[in-house]
Amino acid sequence: MNPVKFVGALIGGLLLLFIARLLLLVTPISERLQGSPWWVYFVVAGIIFSGFLSFKYAKEDREVEQRWIEQEGETFMEPIRKRRERKEMMNG
């Protein structure tokens, strides 16, 4: 991941966390949530961020694997195409 994008995503996430925290201060749920230790929010944010990265890298891995499969398929199909061309030249 590009460092600039990473920092931007981190700042955006912290901004969203800040806005959510401000909104929760106004609601009745805020009394219960304010009793939670501050580090709990970081743990939850870390779990969500970890899930996002896991999804992202799994998608990239599938794309790389698909490209490799296509490349190997081309390597396998090339001799078959050449044999077909030779066969057509001899018969045609």
N, C-alpha and C. Protein backbone atom coordinates (compact mmCIF):
# COMPACT_ATOMS: atom_id res chain seq x y z
N MET A 1 0.85 -1.18 0.00
CA MET A 1 0.00 0.00 0.00
C MET A 1 0.89 1.23 0.00
N ASN A 2 0.50 2.18 -0.78
CA ASN A 2 1.21 3.44 -0.86
C ASN A 2 1.20 4.13 0.51
N PRO A 3 2.35 4.60 1.01
CA PRO A 3 2.39 5.23 2.34
C PRO A 3 1.45 6.43 2.47
N VAL A 4 1.30 7.18 1.38
CA VAL A 4 0.41 8.34 1.44
C VAL A 4 -1.04 7.88 1.62
N LYS A 5 -1.42 6.83 0.89
CA LYS A 5 -2.78 6.30 1.03
C LYS A 5 -2.99 5.72 2.43
N PHE A 6 -1.96 5.06 2.94
CA PHE A 6 -2.06 4.47 4.28
C PHE A 6 -2.29 5.55 5.33
N VAL A 7 -1.51 6.61 5.26
CA VAL A 7 -1.65 7.70 6.23
C VAL A 7 -3.01 8.37 6.05
N GLY A 8 -3.44 8.56 4.81
CA GLY A 8 -4.76 9.14 4.56
C GLY A 8 -5.87 8.28 5.12
N ALA A 9 -5.75 6.96 4.93
CA ALA A 9 -6.76 6.06 5.47
C ALA A 9 -6.74 6.07 7.00
N LEU A 10 -5.57 6.14 7.58
CA LEU A 10 -5.45 6.18 9.04
C LEU A 10 -6.08 7.46 9.59
N ILE A 11 -5.78 8.59 8.96
CA ILE A 11 -6.37 9.86 9.41
C ILE A 11 -7.88 9.84 9.22
N GLY A 12 -8.33 9.31 8.09
CA GLY A 12 -9.77 9.21 7.85
C GLY A 12 -10.45 8.32 8.88
N GLY A 13 -9.83 7.21 9.21
CA GLY A 13 -10.39 6.31 10.22
C GLY A 13 -10.45 6.97 11.58
N LEU A 14 -9.40 7.67 11.95
CA LEU A 14 -9.41 8.37 13.23
C LEU A 14 -10.46 9.48 13.25
N LEU A 15 -10.64 10.14 12.12
CA LEU A 15 -11.67 11.18 12.03
C LEU A 15 -13.06 10.57 12.19
N LEU A 16 -13.29 9.44 11.54
CA LEU A 16 -14.59 8.77 11.71
C LEU A 16 -14.79 8.32 13.15
N LEU A 17 -13.75 7.82 13.77
CA LEU A 17 -13.83 7.42 15.17
C LEU A 17 -14.15 8.62 16.05
N PHE A 18 -13.53 9.75 15.77
CA PHE A 18 -13.79 10.97 16.53
C PHE A 18 -15.24 11.42 16.36
N ILE A 19 -15.73 11.41 15.13
CA ILE A 19 -17.12 11.82 14.87
C ILE A 19 -18.09 10.87 15.55
N ALA A 20 -17.82 9.56 15.48
CA ALA A 20 -18.68 8.59 16.15
C ALA A 20 -18.68 8.83 17.66
N ARG A 21 -17.53 9.12 18.18
CA ARG A 21 -17.42 9.39 19.62
C ARG A 21 -18.23 10.63 20.01
N LEU A 22 -18.16 11.67 19.19
CA LEU A 22 -18.93 12.88 19.47
C LEU A 22 -20.43 12.62 19.40
N LEU A 23 -20.85 11.82 18.40
CA LEU A 23 -22.28 11.51 18.28
C LEU A 23 -22.76 10.67 19.46
N LEU A 24 -21.91 9.80 19.94
CA LEU A 24 -22.31 8.95 21.06
C LEU A 24 -22.39 9.72 22.37
N LEU A 25 -21.70 10.84 22.43
CA LEU A 25 -21.79 11.65 23.64
C LEU A 25 -23.17 12.27 23.82
N VAL A 26 -23.91 12.41 22.75
CA VAL A 26 -25.21 13.06 22.79
C VAL A 26 -26.34 12.05 23.03
N THR A 27 -26.11 10.78 22.78
CA THR A 27 -27.17 9.77 22.88
C THR A 27 -27.18 9.10 24.24
N PRO A 28 -28.27 8.44 24.59
CA PRO A 28 -28.34 7.74 25.88
C PRO A 28 -27.34 6.58 26.01
N ILE A 29 -26.92 6.03 24.89
CA ILE A 29 -25.94 4.93 24.92
C ILE A 29 -24.60 5.42 25.43
N SER A 30 -24.40 6.72 25.32
CA SER A 30 -23.10 7.27 25.67
C SER A 30 -22.71 7.00 27.12
N GLU A 31 -23.68 6.94 28.01
CA GLU A 31 -23.35 6.68 29.42
C GLU A 31 -22.69 5.32 29.58
N ARG A 32 -23.23 4.35 28.88
CA ARG A 32 -22.67 2.99 28.96
C ARG A 32 -21.30 2.92 28.27
N LEU A 33 -21.19 3.57 27.11
CA LEU A 33 -19.93 3.51 26.37
C LEU A 33 -18.83 4.31 27.04
N GLN A 34 -19.18 5.37 27.74
CA GLN A 34 -18.16 6.16 28.42
C GLN A 34 -17.53 5.39 29.57
N GLY A 35 -18.23 4.38 30.05
CA GLY A 35 -17.67 3.56 31.11
C GLY A 35 -16.61 2.60 30.60
N SER A 36 -16.52 2.43 29.28
CA SER A 36 -15.53 1.53 28.69
C SER A 36 -14.17 2.18 28.69
N PRO A 37 -13.12 1.39 28.87
CA PRO A 37 -11.76 1.94 28.77
C PRO A 37 -11.49 2.43 27.35
N TRP A 38 -10.65 3.43 27.21
CA TRP A 38 -10.37 4.04 25.91
C TRP A 38 -9.69 3.07 24.96
N TRP A 39 -8.91 2.12 25.49
CA TRP A 39 -8.16 1.23 24.63
C TRP A 39 -9.07 0.23 23.92
N VAL A 40 -10.28 0.04 24.43
CA VAL A 40 -11.22 -0.89 23.79
C VAL A 40 -11.54 -0.41 22.37
N TYR A 41 -11.66 0.91 22.20
CA TYR A 41 -11.97 1.45 20.88
C TYR A 41 -10.83 1.17 19.91
N PHE A 42 -9.61 1.25 20.37
CA PHE A 42 -8.47 0.96 19.51
C PHE A 42 -8.42 -0.51 19.13
N VAL A 43 -8.80 -1.37 20.06
CA VAL A 43 -8.82 -2.81 19.77
C VAL A 43 -9.88 -3.11 18.71
N VAL A 44 -11.05 -2.54 18.86
CA VAL A 44 -12.12 -2.76 17.88
C VAL A 44 -11.72 -2.19 16.53
N ALA A 45 -11.14 -1.00 16.52
CA ALA A 45 -10.67 -0.41 15.26
C ALA A 45 -9.59 -1.29 14.63
N GLY A 46 -8.70 -1.84 15.45
CA GLY A 46 -7.66 -2.73 14.94
C GLY A 46 -8.24 -3.99 14.33
N ILE A 47 -9.27 -4.54 14.94
CA ILE A 47 -9.92 -5.74 14.40
C ILE A 47 -10.56 -5.43 13.05
N ILE A 48 -11.25 -4.29 12.97
CA ILE A 48 -11.88 -3.91 11.70
C ILE A 48 -10.82 -3.66 10.63
N PHE A 49 -9.76 -2.96 10.99
CA PHE A 49 -8.68 -2.67 10.05
C PHE A 49 -8.02 -3.97 9.59
N SER A 50 -7.81 -4.90 10.51
CA SER A 50 -7.21 -6.18 10.16
C SER A 50 -8.10 -6.96 9.19
N GLY A 51 -9.40 -6.93 9.43
CA GLY A 51 -10.33 -7.60 8.52
C GLY A 51 -10.29 -6.98 7.14
N PHE A 52 -10.22 -5.66 7.08
CA PHE A 52 -10.13 -4.97 5.79
C PHE A 52 -8.87 -5.37 5.04
N LEU A 53 -7.73 -5.36 5.74
CA LEU A 53 -6.47 -5.74 5.08
C LEU A 53 -6.49 -7.20 4.65
N SER A 54 -7.08 -8.06 5.46
CA SER A 54 -7.18 -9.46 5.10
C SER A 54 -7.98 -9.62 3.81
N PHE A 55 -9.10 -8.93 3.72
CA PHE A 55 -9.93 -8.99 2.52
C PHE A 55 -9.17 -8.45 1.31
N LYS A 56 -8.48 -7.34 1.49
CA LYS A 56 -7.75 -6.70 0.41
C LYS A 56 -6.65 -7.61 -0.13
N TYR A 57 -5.84 -8.18 0.78
CA TYR A 57 -4.73 -9.00 0.34
C TYR A 57 -5.19 -10.35 -0.20
N ALA A 58 -6.31 -10.85 0.27
CA ALA A 58 -6.87 -12.08 -0.30
C ALA A 58 -7.30 -11.83 -1.74
N LYS A 59 -7.89 -10.66 -1.99
CA LYS A 59 -8.30 -10.30 -3.35
C LYS A 59 -7.09 -10.16 -4.26
N GLU A 60 -6.04 -9.49 -3.78
CA GLU A 60 -4.82 -9.36 -4.58
C GLU A 60 -4.19 -10.72 -4.86
N ASP A 61 -4.21 -11.60 -3.88
CA ASP A 61 -3.64 -12.93 -4.05
C ASP A 61 -4.41 -13.71 -5.11
N ARG A 62 -5.74 -13.60 -5.11
CA ARG A 62 -6.54 -14.28 -6.13
C ARG A 62 -6.22 -13.74 -7.51
N GLU A 63 -6.03 -12.43 -7.63
CA GLU A 63 -5.70 -11.83 -8.93
C GLU A 63 -4.35 -12.32 -9.43
N VAL A 64 -3.36 -12.35 -8.54
CA VAL A 64 -2.02 -12.83 -8.93
C VAL A 64 -2.08 -14.30 -9.32
N GLU A 65 -2.81 -15.08 -8.56
CA GLU A 65 -2.94 -16.50 -8.88
C GLU A 65 -3.64 -16.70 -10.22
N GLN A 66 -4.66 -15.90 -10.49
CA GLN A 66 -5.38 -16.00 -11.77
C GLN A 66 -4.45 -15.66 -12.94
N ARG A 67 -3.64 -14.61 -12.79
CA ARG A 67 -2.68 -14.26 -13.83
C ARG A 67 -1.68 -15.39 -14.06
N TRP A 68 -1.22 -16.01 -12.97
CA TRP A 68 -0.25 -17.11 -13.09
C TRP A 68 -0.90 -18.29 -13.81
N ILE A 69 -2.15 -18.59 -13.47
CA ILE A 69 -2.86 -19.70 -14.11
C ILE A 69 -3.00 -19.44 -15.61
N GLU A 70 -3.36 -18.20 -15.97
CA GLU A 70 -3.49 -17.86 -17.38
C GLU A 70 -2.16 -17.97 -18.10
N GLN A 71 -1.08 -17.54 -17.47
CA GLN A 71 0.24 -17.62 -18.08
C GLN A 71 0.65 -19.08 -18.28
N GLU A 72 0.42 -19.91 -17.30
CA GLU A 72 0.76 -21.32 -17.43
C GLU A 72 -0.10 -22.00 -18.48
N GLY A 73 -1.36 -21.57 -18.56
CA GLY A 73 -2.25 -22.12 -19.59
C GLY A 73 -1.76 -21.77 -20.99
N GLU A 74 -1.28 -20.55 -21.16
CA GLU A 74 -0.72 -20.14 -22.46
C GLU A 74 0.51 -20.97 -22.79
N THR A 75 1.36 -21.20 -21.80
CA THR A 75 2.57 -22.02 -22.00
C THR A 75 2.18 -23.44 -22.42
N PHE A 76 1.11 -23.95 -21.84
CA PHE A 76 0.65 -25.30 -22.15
C PHE A 76 -0.01 -25.36 -23.53
N MET A 77 -0.76 -24.32 -23.88
CA MET A 77 -1.53 -24.33 -25.13
C MET A 77 -0.67 -24.04 -26.36
N GLU A 78 0.45 -23.35 -26.20
CA GLU A 78 1.27 -22.98 -27.35
C GLU A 78 1.72 -24.18 -28.18
N PRO A 79 2.28 -25.25 -27.58
CA PRO A 79 2.66 -26.40 -28.41
C PRO A 79 1.47 -27.06 -29.10
N ILE A 80 0.31 -27.04 -28.45
CA ILE A 80 -0.89 -27.64 -29.05
C ILE A 80 -1.30 -26.84 -30.29
N ARG A 81 -1.24 -25.51 -30.20
CA ARG A 81 -1.57 -24.66 -31.35
C ARG A 81 -0.60 -24.90 -32.50
N LYS A 82 0.69 -25.02 -32.16
CA LYS A 82 1.69 -25.25 -33.21
C LYS A 82 1.45 -26.59 -33.91
N ARG A 83 1.12 -27.62 -33.13
CA ARG A 83 0.83 -28.93 -33.73
C ARG A 83 -0.38 -28.85 -34.65
N ARG A 84 -1.42 -28.12 -34.21
CA ARG A 84 -2.62 -27.97 -35.05
C ARG A 84 -2.29 -27.24 -36.34
N GLU A 85 -1.48 -26.19 -36.25
CA GLU A 85 -1.10 -25.45 -37.46
C GLU A 85 -0.33 -26.35 -38.42
N ARG A 86 0.62 -27.13 -37.89
CA ARG A 86 1.40 -28.05 -38.76
C ARG A 86 0.49 -29.09 -39.39
N LYS A 87 -0.46 -29.59 -38.60
CA LYS A 87 -1.38 -30.60 -39.10
C LYS A 87 -2.25 -30.02 -40.21
N GLU A 88 -2.72 -28.79 -40.03
CA GLU A 88 -3.55 -28.14 -41.04
C GLU A 88 -2.74 -27.86 -42.31
N MET A 89 -1.46 -27.50 -42.14
CA MET A 89 -0.61 -27.25 -43.31
C MET A 89 -0.40 -28.54 -44.11
N MET A 90 -0.22 -29.64 -43.42
CA MET A 90 0.00 -30.91 -44.09
C MET A 90 -1.27 -31.41 -44.77
N ASN A 91 -2.40 -31.20 -44.13
CA ASN A 91 -3.67 -31.67 -44.69
C ASN A 91 -4.24 -30.68 -45.70
N GLY A 92 -3.91 -29.42 -45.56
CA GLY A 92 -4.53 -28.39 -46.38
C GLY A 92 -3.80 -28.06 -47.57
